[in-house]
Protein backbone atom coordinates (compact mmCIF):
# COMPACT_ATOMS: atom_id res chain seq x y z
CA MET A 1 0.00 -0.01 0.01
CA THR A 2 1.47 3.35 -1.03
CA GLN A 3 1.90 5.68 1.92
CA PHE A 4 1.19 9.14 0.75
CA ARG A 5 2.36 12.24 2.68
CA THR A 6 0.25 15.45 2.59
CA ARG A 7 0.81 19.17 2.89
CA TYR A 8 -2.06 21.66 3.18
CA SER A 9 -2.94 25.27 3.42
CA ALA A 10 -6.24 26.68 4.78
CA LYS A 11 -7.57 30.19 5.00
CA THR A 12 -10.90 31.93 5.79
CA HIS A 13 -11.74 35.58 5.31
CA VAL A 14 -14.82 37.68 6.14
CA GLY A 15 -14.69 39.27 2.69
CA LEU A 16 -15.24 43.03 2.02
CA LYS A 17 -19.07 43.37 2.61
CA ARG A 18 -20.01 41.15 5.50
CA GLN A 19 -19.68 41.92 9.20
CA VAL A 20 -19.58 38.30 10.35
CA ASN A 21 -17.66 35.35 8.91
CA GLU A 22 -20.26 32.58 8.69
CA ASP A 23 -17.63 30.19 7.12
CA ALA A 24 -15.65 27.69 9.17
CA VAL A 25 -12.67 25.46 8.25
CA LEU A 26 -11.20 22.50 10.07
CA SER A 27 -7.90 20.80 9.32
CA LEU A 28 -7.02 17.49 11.01
CA PRO A 29 -3.90 16.34 9.20
CA GLU A 30 -3.22 13.60 11.75
CA THR A 31 -6.72 12.16 11.01
CA ARG A 32 -6.21 13.05 7.26
CA LEU A 33 -9.45 14.91 7.33
CA TRP A 34 -10.38 18.44 6.09
CA VAL A 35 -13.69 20.15 6.49
CA LEU A 36 -15.18 23.40 5.18
CA SER A 37 -18.63 24.72 6.05
CA ASP A 38 -20.54 27.88 4.95
CA GLY A 39 -23.34 29.10 7.17
CA MET A 40 -26.40 29.96 5.15
CA GLY A 41 -26.38 33.69 4.26
CA GLY A 42 -29.40 35.71 5.25
CA HIS A 43 -30.37 33.25 7.99
CA GLU A 44 -29.79 33.94 11.65
CA ALA A 45 -26.81 32.12 13.17
CA GLY A 46 -25.13 30.83 10.11
CA ASP A 47 -21.82 31.29 11.92
CA TYR A 48 -23.13 29.12 14.79
CA ALA A 49 -24.08 26.35 12.26
CA SER A 50 -20.74 26.21 10.45
CA ARG A 51 -18.73 26.36 13.73
CA LEU A 52 -20.84 23.59 15.30
CA ILE A 53 -20.24 21.36 12.34
CA CYS A 54 -16.46 21.71 12.52
CA ASP A 55 -16.41 21.38 16.32
CA MET A 56 -18.43 18.19 16.17
CA VAL A 57 -16.25 16.60 13.45
CA ALA A 58 -13.11 17.62 15.45
CA SER A 59 -14.10 14.88 17.97
CA LEU A 60 -13.56 12.14 15.35
CA ASP A 61 -11.63 9.17 16.91
CA VAL A 62 -8.28 9.04 15.24
CA THR A 63 -7.77 5.43 16.27
CA LEU A 64 -10.67 4.14 14.14
CA ASP A 65 -9.79 2.07 11.02
CA PRO A 66 -10.65 3.84 7.66
CA GLY A 67 -14.14 2.26 7.18
CA ALA A 68 -15.18 3.05 10.75
CA ARG A 69 -13.76 6.62 10.41
CA MET A 70 -16.00 7.22 7.41
CA GLN A 71 -19.05 5.93 9.25
CA GLU A 72 -18.22 8.01 12.29
CA LEU A 73 -17.80 11.17 10.11
CA ARG A 74 -21.32 10.55 8.70
CA HIS A 75 -22.67 10.05 12.21
CA LEU A 76 -21.11 13.28 13.49
CA LEU A 77 -22.46 15.29 10.61
CA THR A 78 -25.91 13.82 11.27
CA ARG A 79 -25.64 14.69 14.89
CA ALA A 80 -24.67 18.30 13.81
CA HIS A 81 -27.81 18.36 11.65
CA GLU A 82 -30.05 17.32 14.52
CA THR A 83 -28.42 19.68 16.87
CA ILE A 84 -28.81 22.70 14.51
CA ARG A 85 -32.51 21.77 13.95
CA ARG A 86 -33.15 21.69 17.70
CA GLU A 87 -31.31 25.06 18.13
CA ALA A 88 -33.39 26.66 15.41
CA GLU A 89 -36.56 25.45 17.05
CA ALA A 90 -35.42 26.69 20.46
CA ARG A 91 -34.63 30.11 19.12
CA GLY A 92 -37.78 30.27 17.03
CA ALA A 93 -35.41 31.43 14.34
CA GLY A 94 -36.85 29.71 11.26
CA THR A 95 -34.09 28.16 9.35
CA ILE A 96 -30.55 27.80 10.56
CA GLY A 97 -28.11 25.78 8.36
CA ALA A 98 -24.74 25.42 6.69
CA THR A 99 -23.24 23.73 3.72
CA VAL A 100 -20.45 21.15 4.32
CA VAL A 101 -17.70 19.56 2.15
CA THR A 102 -15.11 17.13 3.59
CA LEU A 103 -12.04 15.33 2.31
CA LEU A 104 -10.90 12.15 4.05
CA LEU A 105 -7.79 10.24 2.96
CA ALA A 106 -7.04 6.59 3.88
CA ASP A 107 -5.17 3.64 2.32
CA GLY A 108 -4.21 5.33 -0.90
CA HIS A 109 -7.90 6.55 -1.50
CA PHE A 110 -9.90 9.72 -1.00
CA VAL A 111 -13.57 10.19 -0.01
CA GLY A 112 -15.48 13.41 -0.28
CA LEU A 113 -18.82 14.03 1.43
CA TRP A 114 -20.86 17.16 0.84
CA ALA A 115 -24.28 18.86 1.17
CA GLY A 116 -24.91 22.22 -0.44
CA ASP A 117 -22.76 24.31 -2.78
CA SER A 118 -19.35 24.30 -1.11
CA ARG A 119 -17.12 22.38 -3.53
CA LEU A 120 -14.40 19.80 -3.87
CA TYR A 121 -12.03 20.05 -6.90
CA ARG A 122 -9.03 18.02 -7.91
CA LEU A 123 -6.11 19.11 -10.08
CA ARG A 124 -4.35 16.12 -11.66
CA ASP A 125 -1.82 16.24 -14.44
CA GLY A 126 -2.58 19.94 -14.99
CA GLU A 127 -6.35 19.37 -15.57
CA ILE A 128 -8.97 20.54 -13.02
CA GLU A 129 -12.06 18.56 -12.24
CA MET A 130 -14.99 19.44 -10.04
CA LEU A 131 -15.49 16.28 -7.97
CA SER A 132 -18.66 17.46 -6.18
CA HIS A 133 -21.80 18.87 -7.76
CA ASP A 134 -23.80 21.69 -6.13
CA HIS A 135 -27.06 21.06 -4.40
CA SER A 136 -28.67 24.20 -5.78
CA LEU A 137 -31.31 25.56 -8.23
CA VAL A 138 -28.72 26.58 -10.75
CA ALA A 139 -26.99 23.23 -10.60
CA GLU A 140 -30.15 21.66 -11.95
CA LEU A 141 -29.91 24.17 -14.93
CA VAL A 142 -26.29 23.10 -15.45
CA ALA A 143 -27.31 19.46 -15.41
CA ALA A 144 -29.99 20.17 -17.95
CA GLY A 145 -27.35 21.70 -20.21
CA GLN A 146 -28.90 25.21 -20.05
CA LEU A 147 -25.91 26.82 -18.27
CA THR A 148 -22.18 26.18 -17.75
CA TRP A 149 -20.85 26.32 -14.18
CA ASP A 150 -19.12 29.62 -14.87
CA GLU A 151 -22.43 31.08 -16.20
CA ALA A 152 -24.27 29.63 -13.16
CA GLU A 153 -22.16 31.75 -10.77
CA GLN A 154 -23.61 34.86 -12.37
CA HIS A 155 -27.31 33.65 -12.18
CA PRO A 156 -29.58 35.71 -9.90
CA GLN A 157 -30.57 32.53 -7.99
CA SER A 158 -26.93 31.29 -7.57
CA ASN A 159 -27.24 31.35 -3.81
CA ALA A 160 -30.38 29.20 -3.66
CA ILE A 161 -29.24 25.86 -2.33
CA THR A 162 -31.44 22.75 -2.00
CA ARG A 163 -29.55 20.84 0.76
CA ALA A 164 -27.82 21.90 3.82
CA VAL A 165 -26.86 20.62 7.34
CA GLY A 166 -29.65 21.66 9.69
CA VAL A 167 -32.32 22.07 7.05
CA GLY A 168 -35.04 19.44 6.33
CA GLU A 169 -35.89 16.20 8.12
CA ALA A 170 -32.99 13.98 7.26
CA LEU A 171 -29.55 14.97 6.24
CA GLU A 172 -28.67 13.85 2.74
CA LEU A 173 -24.95 13.68 1.94
CA ASP A 174 -23.51 12.95 -1.44
CA LYS A 175 -20.22 11.07 -1.78
CA VAL A 176 -17.30 10.84 -4.24
CA HIS A 177 -14.33 8.60 -3.90
CA GLY A 178 -11.27 7.38 -5.92
CA GLU A 179 -7.65 6.50 -5.80
CA LEU A 180 -4.96 8.96 -4.92
CA GLN A 181 -1.93 9.75 -7.18
CA THR A 182 1.30 11.56 -6.29
CA GLY A 183 0.93 15.10 -7.39
CA ASP A 184 -2.82 15.27 -6.87
CA ARG A 185 -3.94 18.61 -5.39
CA PHE A 186 -7.44 19.00 -3.97
CA LEU A 187 -9.25 22.27 -3.35
CA LEU A 188 -12.17 22.63 -0.81
CA CYS A 189 -13.88 26.04 -1.11
CA SER A 190 -17.03 28.02 -0.29
CA ASP A 191 -19.01 29.93 -2.94
CA GLY A 192 -17.34 33.06 -1.84
CA LEU A 193 -14.44 31.97 -4.10
CA THR A 194 -16.27 30.41 -6.97
CA LYS A 195 -18.44 33.40 -7.52
CA TYR A 196 -15.27 35.12 -8.71
CA ALA A 197 -12.95 32.28 -9.90
CA THR A 198 -13.66 30.56 -13.24
CA PHE A 199 -12.45 27.12 -13.91
CA ALA A 200 -9.58 28.57 -15.97
CA MET A 201 -8.49 30.78 -13.06
CA LEU A 202 -8.62 27.92 -10.62
CA ARG A 203 -6.63 25.67 -12.85
CA LYS A 204 -3.93 28.27 -13.44
CA VAL A 205 -3.51 29.07 -9.66
CA LEU A 206 -3.70 25.42 -8.62
CA ALA A 207 -1.17 24.40 -11.26
CA GLU A 208 1.28 27.24 -10.59
CA ALA A 209 1.13 28.44 -6.97
CA PRO A 210 3.25 26.68 -4.28
CA ILE A 211 1.41 25.36 -1.17
CA GLU A 212 2.89 28.26 0.83
CA THR A 213 1.00 30.91 -1.15
CA VAL A 214 -1.84 29.06 -3.02
CA SER A 215 -4.64 29.79 -0.46
CA GLU A 216 -3.70 33.46 -0.20
CA THR A 217 -3.60 33.75 -4.05
CA LEU A 218 -7.08 32.21 -4.30
CA LEU A 219 -8.47 34.48 -1.57
CA GLN A 220 -7.01 37.52 -3.39
CA ILE A 221 -9.02 36.57 -6.58
CA ALA A 222 -12.24 36.84 -4.64
CA LEU A 223 -11.19 40.05 -2.84
CA ASP A 224 -10.15 41.58 -6.14
CA GLY A 225 -13.53 40.55 -7.63
CA GLY A 226 -15.48 42.37 -4.88
CA GLY A 227 -15.46 39.99 -1.99
CA ALA A 228 -19.15 40.27 -1.44
CA ASP A 229 -19.32 37.04 0.61
CA ASN A 230 -17.17 35.19 3.08
CA ILE A 231 -14.33 33.30 1.43
CA SER A 232 -12.79 29.97 2.52
CA VAL A 233 -10.17 27.71 0.91
CA ILE A 234 -8.36 24.51 1.83
CA VAL A 235 -5.66 23.13 -0.48
CA VAL A 236 -4.32 19.63 0.12
CA ASP A 237 -1.30 18.29 -1.76
CA ILE A 238 -0.62 14.59 -2.08
CA LEU A 239 3.16 13.81 -1.98
């Protein structure tokens, strides 16, 4: 079994227009787990929801074998979902929720779980691939061939998501998995970046920037574009 090493860089920024950062990031390199969550904008306590998700996942037992670790991750996200629902009810606050995207590495493989429109990308051999697909109204238009992803970012309903942790009866997570290769570079990001960064921009930065500056360079794209939302990025290199 190939033993891959990793390096990573993670950053989150409130952006230029918001008062509160409703994004949260969690890096657990010893568990080989990275998590990014984006509290739902316009809803009360999005920052509470994203922070709770990361805090809950941070309790993942590092001694578990890979299969059990995956199950425990799902279990912790489901617990976060139920806790956020109870909190919303207690506050009488209507909807509180957050997106989530995770990357878990084990035994030469990766697994990504997500709900909402925070994304997981992979750069491999100079080509970028979006491994997740958004749970959003515009994603359905992309799937129908009516829009490209770059066009979808400019759509007036680009913020309308159809799944989130804390929203709805049961938490539905989608999953992607595959084998790792040396040189793979993964990007987890909130929509505060993808509103401003096209596929071509992401590919260029991920292909050229070293791990020491890649997250800062991506953040700067969003800030230069207007920074209307919170911005979060995690980049993980497979060595």
